[in-house]
Amino acid sequence: MGQLDAFSLDGRVALVPGGAGAIGSAMAEALAAAGARVAVADRTCRMCDDVVGRVERVGSEAIGIAADMTVEADCDRMVAETIERFGRIDIVVNAVGGGAGKVLHPAETYPRADWDWIMELNVRSTLLATQSAARAMISAGRGGSVLNISSVRANLGINAGYSAYVAAKGAISSLTRQWATEWAKYGIRVNAIMPTFVDTPQVASLLADPTFKAGVVDRIPLGRVGETRDLVGAAIFLVSDASSFVTGQILGIDGGLTATQ
């Protein structure tokens, strides 16, 4: 076996909640290119159809599943449909989340409704989807790998009204470490990536402001914001056997931003 064979996902089945989004779809396509069969889950099947086609064009199999990751019954059904189609689940990549630039408020007046929405979108969606998948992995007894998506904002404050978002991403980082600790005995590894701004439709409104974008880029040593292609290499590493002794880790993908703080 060659050194690069450890990065192969041949024979694995990956579930990508939020797989129709910009980051989730990039993850789904990369997982497929590495050999995995992929279940793409999002709020409607229509949202998944394009991603399923992209996965199939790289030569793998895919299924689209309509599910709301903030609803426990939907998460359980998502996992059941994945297993019914592919017979197993080996990998979960939690790509639901975001909302960073949509609800910015002063910390002292942050409204409950917007706080709850950010927590539902980022924390509850990751919690419920992962719990459902982990139960299936534990029952199957083959181990597995979970990849969460945190943010540099889990570690760094910003003077821009991000109270709910930084709290949510801080929770994702903490859950990553906690799950890694609890599920190691089942052979389930749990890691996270921690990007800075990634150029997706979710943050387009922020990056459209030249002053804001210049402020972001000026703080990043590599001199640009991230792109979805910057995330997939780390993801493949963390869900493959190449990282078989890595768990509970949160890998910054930030162009050097956190190194300067």
Protein backbone atom coordinates (compact mmCIF):
# COMPACT_ATOMS: atom_id res chain seq x y z
CA MET A 1 0.00 0.00 0.00
CA GLY A 2 1.37 3.38 -0.99
CA GLN A 3 1.53 6.37 1.30
CA LEU A 4 -1.32 8.13 -0.48
CA ASP A 5 -3.65 5.15 -0.17
CA ALA A 6 -4.41 6.25 3.40
CA PHE A 7 -6.28 9.23 1.95
CA SER A 8 -8.60 7.02 -0.10
CA LEU A 9 -12.26 6.80 0.90
CA ASP A 10 -13.02 3.79 -1.28
CA GLY A 11 -15.79 1.71 0.25
CA ARG A 12 -16.82 4.47 2.67
CA VAL A 13 -20.19 6.18 2.87
CA ALA A 14 -20.28 9.88 3.73
CA LEU A 15 -23.30 11.81 4.98
CA VAL A 16 -23.20 15.56 4.40
CA PRO A 17 -25.94 17.48 6.24
CA GLY A 18 -26.16 20.87 4.57
CA GLY A 19 -24.70 19.33 1.44
CA ALA A 20 -26.47 21.70 -0.95
CA GLY A 21 -24.72 24.80 0.38
CA ALA A 22 -21.51 26.27 -1.01
CA ILE A 23 -19.23 24.55 1.50
CA GLY A 24 -21.32 21.39 1.79
CA SER A 25 -21.46 20.84 -1.96
CA ALA A 26 -17.70 21.32 -2.27
CA MET A 27 -17.24 18.76 0.51
CA ALA A 28 -19.62 16.28 -1.11
CA GLU A 29 -17.85 16.48 -4.45
CA ALA A 30 -14.40 16.11 -2.84
CA LEU A 31 -15.49 13.14 -0.75
CA ALA A 32 -16.81 11.48 -3.89
CA ALA A 33 -13.60 12.20 -5.79
CA ALA A 34 -11.72 10.45 -2.97
CA GLY A 35 -13.92 7.37 -3.44
CA ALA A 36 -16.84 7.75 -1.03
CA ARG A 37 -20.49 7.26 -1.84
CA VAL A 38 -22.32 10.33 -0.62
CA ALA A 39 -25.68 11.14 0.94
CA VAL A 40 -26.41 14.83 0.36
CA ALA A 41 -28.98 16.18 2.83
CA ASP A 42 -30.62 19.58 2.82
CA ARG A 43 -34.01 21.18 3.34
CA THR A 44 -35.47 20.09 -0.01
CA CYS A 45 -34.58 17.46 -2.58
CA ARG A 46 -34.54 20.19 -5.22
CA MET A 47 -31.62 21.80 -3.39
CA CYS A 48 -29.73 18.49 -3.46
CA ASP A 49 -30.28 17.54 -7.11
CA ASP A 50 -27.42 19.60 -8.53
CA VAL A 51 -24.95 18.28 -5.97
CA VAL A 52 -26.04 14.69 -6.56
CA GLY A 53 -25.35 15.24 -10.25
CA ARG A 54 -21.91 16.66 -9.51
CA VAL A 55 -21.06 13.64 -7.33
CA GLU A 56 -22.20 11.26 -10.03
CA ARG A 57 -20.11 13.08 -12.64
CA VAL A 58 -16.94 12.34 -10.68
CA GLY A 59 -17.85 8.67 -10.85
CA SER A 60 -19.44 7.96 -7.49
CA GLU A 61 -22.94 7.23 -6.23
CA ALA A 62 -25.10 9.76 -4.43
CA ILE A 63 -28.53 10.19 -2.92
CA GLY A 64 -30.36 13.39 -2.08
CA ILE A 65 -32.35 13.53 1.15
CA ALA A 66 -34.75 16.27 2.23
CA ALA A 67 -34.31 16.92 5.95
CA ASP A 68 -34.38 19.77 8.43
CA MET A 69 -31.37 19.24 10.67
CA THR A 70 -33.03 21.11 13.54
CA VAL A 71 -35.75 18.42 13.71
CA GLU A 72 -34.80 15.20 15.46
CA ALA A 73 -37.20 13.00 13.49
CA ASP A 74 -35.80 14.34 10.21
CA CYS A 75 -32.25 13.54 11.32
CA ASP A 76 -33.21 10.00 12.28
CA ARG A 77 -34.94 9.53 8.92
CA MET A 78 -31.92 10.99 7.08
CA VAL A 79 -29.65 8.42 8.69
CA ALA A 80 -32.12 5.58 8.05
CA GLU A 81 -32.43 6.52 4.36
CA THR A 82 -28.65 6.66 3.98
CA ILE A 83 -28.25 3.21 5.50
CA GLU A 84 -31.15 1.85 3.45
CA ARG A 85 -29.47 3.01 0.24
CA PHE A 86 -25.81 2.36 1.02
CA GLY A 87 -25.85 -0.08 3.94
CA ARG A 88 -23.68 1.95 6.28
CA ILE A 89 -22.41 5.36 7.40
CA ASP A 90 -18.70 5.91 7.95
CA ILE A 91 -18.30 9.67 7.69
CA VAL A 92 -20.35 12.69 8.71
CA VAL A 93 -19.42 16.18 7.51
CA ASN A 94 -21.62 18.75 9.23
CA ALA A 95 -22.01 21.59 6.75
CA VAL A 96 -25.16 23.24 8.12
CA GLY A 97 -24.51 26.61 9.69
CA GLY A 98 -23.60 30.21 9.05
CA GLY A 99 -25.76 33.29 9.39
CA ALA A 100 -22.76 35.35 10.46
CA GLY A 101 -23.58 38.52 8.60
CA LYS A 102 -27.36 38.36 8.74
CA VAL A 103 -28.09 39.25 12.37
CA LEU A 104 -25.53 41.62 13.80
CA HIS A 105 -26.52 43.45 17.00
CA PRO A 106 -24.74 45.15 19.91
CA ALA A 107 -23.89 42.66 22.62
CA GLU A 108 -25.89 44.54 25.26
CA THR A 109 -29.12 44.42 23.22
CA TYR A 110 -28.75 41.19 21.24
CA PRO A 111 -32.37 40.05 20.66
CA ARG A 112 -33.51 36.63 21.82
CA ALA A 113 -35.13 35.68 18.50
CA ASP A 114 -31.96 36.23 16.48
CA TRP A 115 -29.84 34.55 19.15
CA ASP A 116 -32.06 31.47 19.06
CA TRP A 117 -31.97 31.36 15.26
CA ILE A 118 -28.18 31.37 15.14
CA MET A 119 -28.01 28.68 17.82
CA GLU A 120 -30.57 26.51 16.01
CA LEU A 121 -28.82 26.92 12.66
CA ASN A 122 -25.34 26.16 13.95
CA VAL A 123 -25.48 24.17 17.17
CA ARG A 124 -28.77 22.28 17.20
CA SER A 125 -28.35 21.21 13.57
CA THR A 126 -24.89 19.81 14.28
CA LEU A 127 -26.00 18.18 17.54
CA LEU A 128 -29.05 16.35 16.19
CA ALA A 129 -27.50 15.18 12.93
CA THR A 130 -24.40 13.90 14.67
CA GLN A 131 -26.30 12.16 17.45
CA SER A 132 -28.39 10.25 14.92
CA ALA A 133 -25.38 9.24 12.86
CA ALA A 134 -23.27 8.36 15.92
CA ARG A 135 -25.96 6.01 17.20
CA ALA A 136 -25.85 4.19 13.88
CA MET A 137 -22.04 4.06 13.91
CA ILE A 138 -21.97 2.74 17.47
CA SER A 139 -24.54 0.08 16.62
CA ALA A 140 -22.62 -1.01 13.52
CA GLY A 141 -19.37 -1.32 15.49
CA ARG A 142 -17.09 -0.18 12.64
CA GLY A 143 -16.10 3.19 14.06
CA GLY A 144 -16.27 6.28 11.90
CA SER A 145 -15.29 9.89 11.52
CA VAL A 146 -17.14 13.15 12.17
CA LEU A 147 -16.02 16.50 10.83
CA ASN A 148 -17.54 19.70 12.21
CA ILE A 149 -17.15 23.20 10.85
CA SER A 150 -16.22 25.75 13.48
CA SER A 151 -14.81 29.22 12.79
CA VAL A 152 -11.94 31.43 13.84
CA ARG A 153 -14.70 33.38 15.59
CA ALA A 154 -14.85 30.57 18.14
CA ASN A 155 -11.54 31.95 19.39
CA LEU A 156 -11.50 35.58 18.30
CA GLY A 157 -13.90 38.37 19.10
CA ILE A 158 -14.78 41.00 16.50
CA ASN A 159 -16.21 44.47 16.98
CA ALA A 160 -19.16 43.84 14.66
CA GLY A 161 -22.13 42.47 16.62
CA TYR A 162 -21.30 38.77 16.45
CA SER A 163 -22.30 37.65 19.96
CA ALA A 164 -24.54 34.78 18.90
CA TYR A 165 -22.26 33.56 16.13
CA VAL A 166 -19.10 33.45 18.24
CA ALA A 167 -21.01 31.64 20.98
CA ALA A 168 -22.37 29.11 18.50
CA LYS A 169 -19.01 28.37 16.93
CA GLY A 170 -17.41 28.18 20.36
CA ALA A 171 -19.98 25.52 21.20
CA ILE A 172 -19.10 23.58 18.03
CA SER A 173 -15.43 23.56 19.01
CA SER A 174 -16.27 22.40 22.53
CA LEU A 175 -18.61 19.67 21.27
CA THR A 176 -15.86 18.47 18.94
CA ARG A 177 -13.54 17.88 21.88
CA GLN A 178 -16.27 16.38 24.05
CA TRP A 179 -17.54 13.94 21.43
CA ALA A 180 -13.98 12.92 20.56
CA THR A 181 -13.44 12.06 24.21
CA GLU A 182 -16.70 10.15 24.69
CA TRP A 183 -16.76 8.27 21.39
CA ALA A 184 -13.11 7.23 21.15
CA LYS A 185 -14.03 3.95 22.79
CA TYR A 186 -16.27 3.20 19.80
CA GLY A 187 -13.55 4.01 17.27
CA ILE A 188 -15.31 7.23 16.24
CA ARG A 189 -12.99 10.16 15.66
CA VAL A 190 -14.30 13.72 15.82
CA ASN A 191 -12.42 16.73 14.49
CA ALA A 192 -13.24 20.17 13.15
CA ILE A 193 -11.94 22.72 10.74
CA MET A 194 -11.87 26.37 11.75
CA PRO A 195 -11.96 28.66 8.69
CA THR A 196 -11.82 32.40 8.50
CA PHE A 197 -14.09 34.17 5.99
CA VAL A 198 -14.83 31.87 3.06
CA ASP A 199 -16.22 33.49 -0.07
CA THR A 200 -19.73 32.04 -0.21
CA PRO A 201 -23.19 33.53 -0.79
CA GLN A 202 -23.76 33.57 2.99
CA VAL A 203 -21.14 36.27 3.54
CA ALA A 204 -21.53 38.03 0.20
CA SER A 205 -23.22 41.02 1.83
CA LEU A 206 -20.25 41.53 4.14
CA LEU A 207 -17.58 41.02 1.52
CA ALA A 208 -19.42 43.35 -0.87
CA ASP A 209 -18.43 46.22 1.41
CA PRO A 210 -14.94 47.20 0.16
CA THR A 211 -13.96 48.70 3.51
CA PHE A 212 -15.01 45.59 5.43
CA LYS A 213 -13.31 43.24 2.96
CA ALA A 214 -10.10 45.28 3.01
CA GLY A 215 -10.11 45.11 6.80
CA VAL A 216 -10.46 41.33 6.69
CA VAL A 217 -7.79 40.81 4.05
CA ASP A 218 -5.36 43.14 5.81
CA ARG A 219 -5.45 40.86 8.88
CA ILE A 220 -4.77 37.67 6.88
CA PRO A 221 -1.06 37.09 6.22
CA LEU A 222 -1.74 35.24 2.95
CA GLY A 223 -3.60 38.29 1.72
CA ARG A 224 -7.00 36.94 0.68
CA VAL A 225 -10.22 35.47 2.02
CA GLY A 226 -10.74 31.73 1.86
CA GLU A 227 -12.43 29.77 -0.90
CA THR A 228 -14.30 26.49 -0.64
CA ARG A 229 -11.43 24.73 -2.42
CA ASP A 230 -9.20 25.67 0.52
CA LEU A 231 -11.23 23.50 2.88
CA VAL A 232 -11.53 20.19 1.10
CA GLY A 233 -7.95 18.95 1.42
CA ALA A 234 -8.05 19.24 5.19
CA ALA A 235 -11.46 17.58 5.23
CA ILE A 236 -10.24 14.55 3.29
CA PHE A 237 -7.26 14.24 5.64
CA LEU A 238 -9.41 14.41 8.76
CA VAL A 239 -12.04 11.86 7.67
CA SER A 240 -9.59 9.39 6.11
CA ASP A 241 -7.18 6.84 7.56
CA ALA A 242 -4.39 9.36 6.98
CA SER A 243 -5.48 10.92 10.29
CA SER A 244 -6.22 7.67 12.13
CA PHE A 245 -4.48 8.92 15.31
CA VAL A 246 -6.06 12.39 15.21
CA THR A 247 -9.19 13.17 17.21
CA GLY A 248 -10.53 16.11 19.17
CA GLN A 249 -8.53 18.55 17.05
CA ILE A 250 -9.65 21.86 15.53
CA LEU A 251 -7.60 22.79 12.49
CA GLY A 252 -7.41 26.45 11.56
CA ILE A 253 -7.76 27.17 7.84
CA ASP A 254 -7.33 30.90 7.99
CA GLY A 255 -4.43 32.08 5.88
CA GLY A 256 -2.45 32.66 9.08
CA LEU A 257 -5.02 34.95 10.72
CA THR A 258 -4.97 33.34 14.16
CA ALA A 259 -1.17 33.22 14.13
CA THR A 260 -1.17 36.99 14.25
CA GLN A 261 -3.63 37.39 17.13
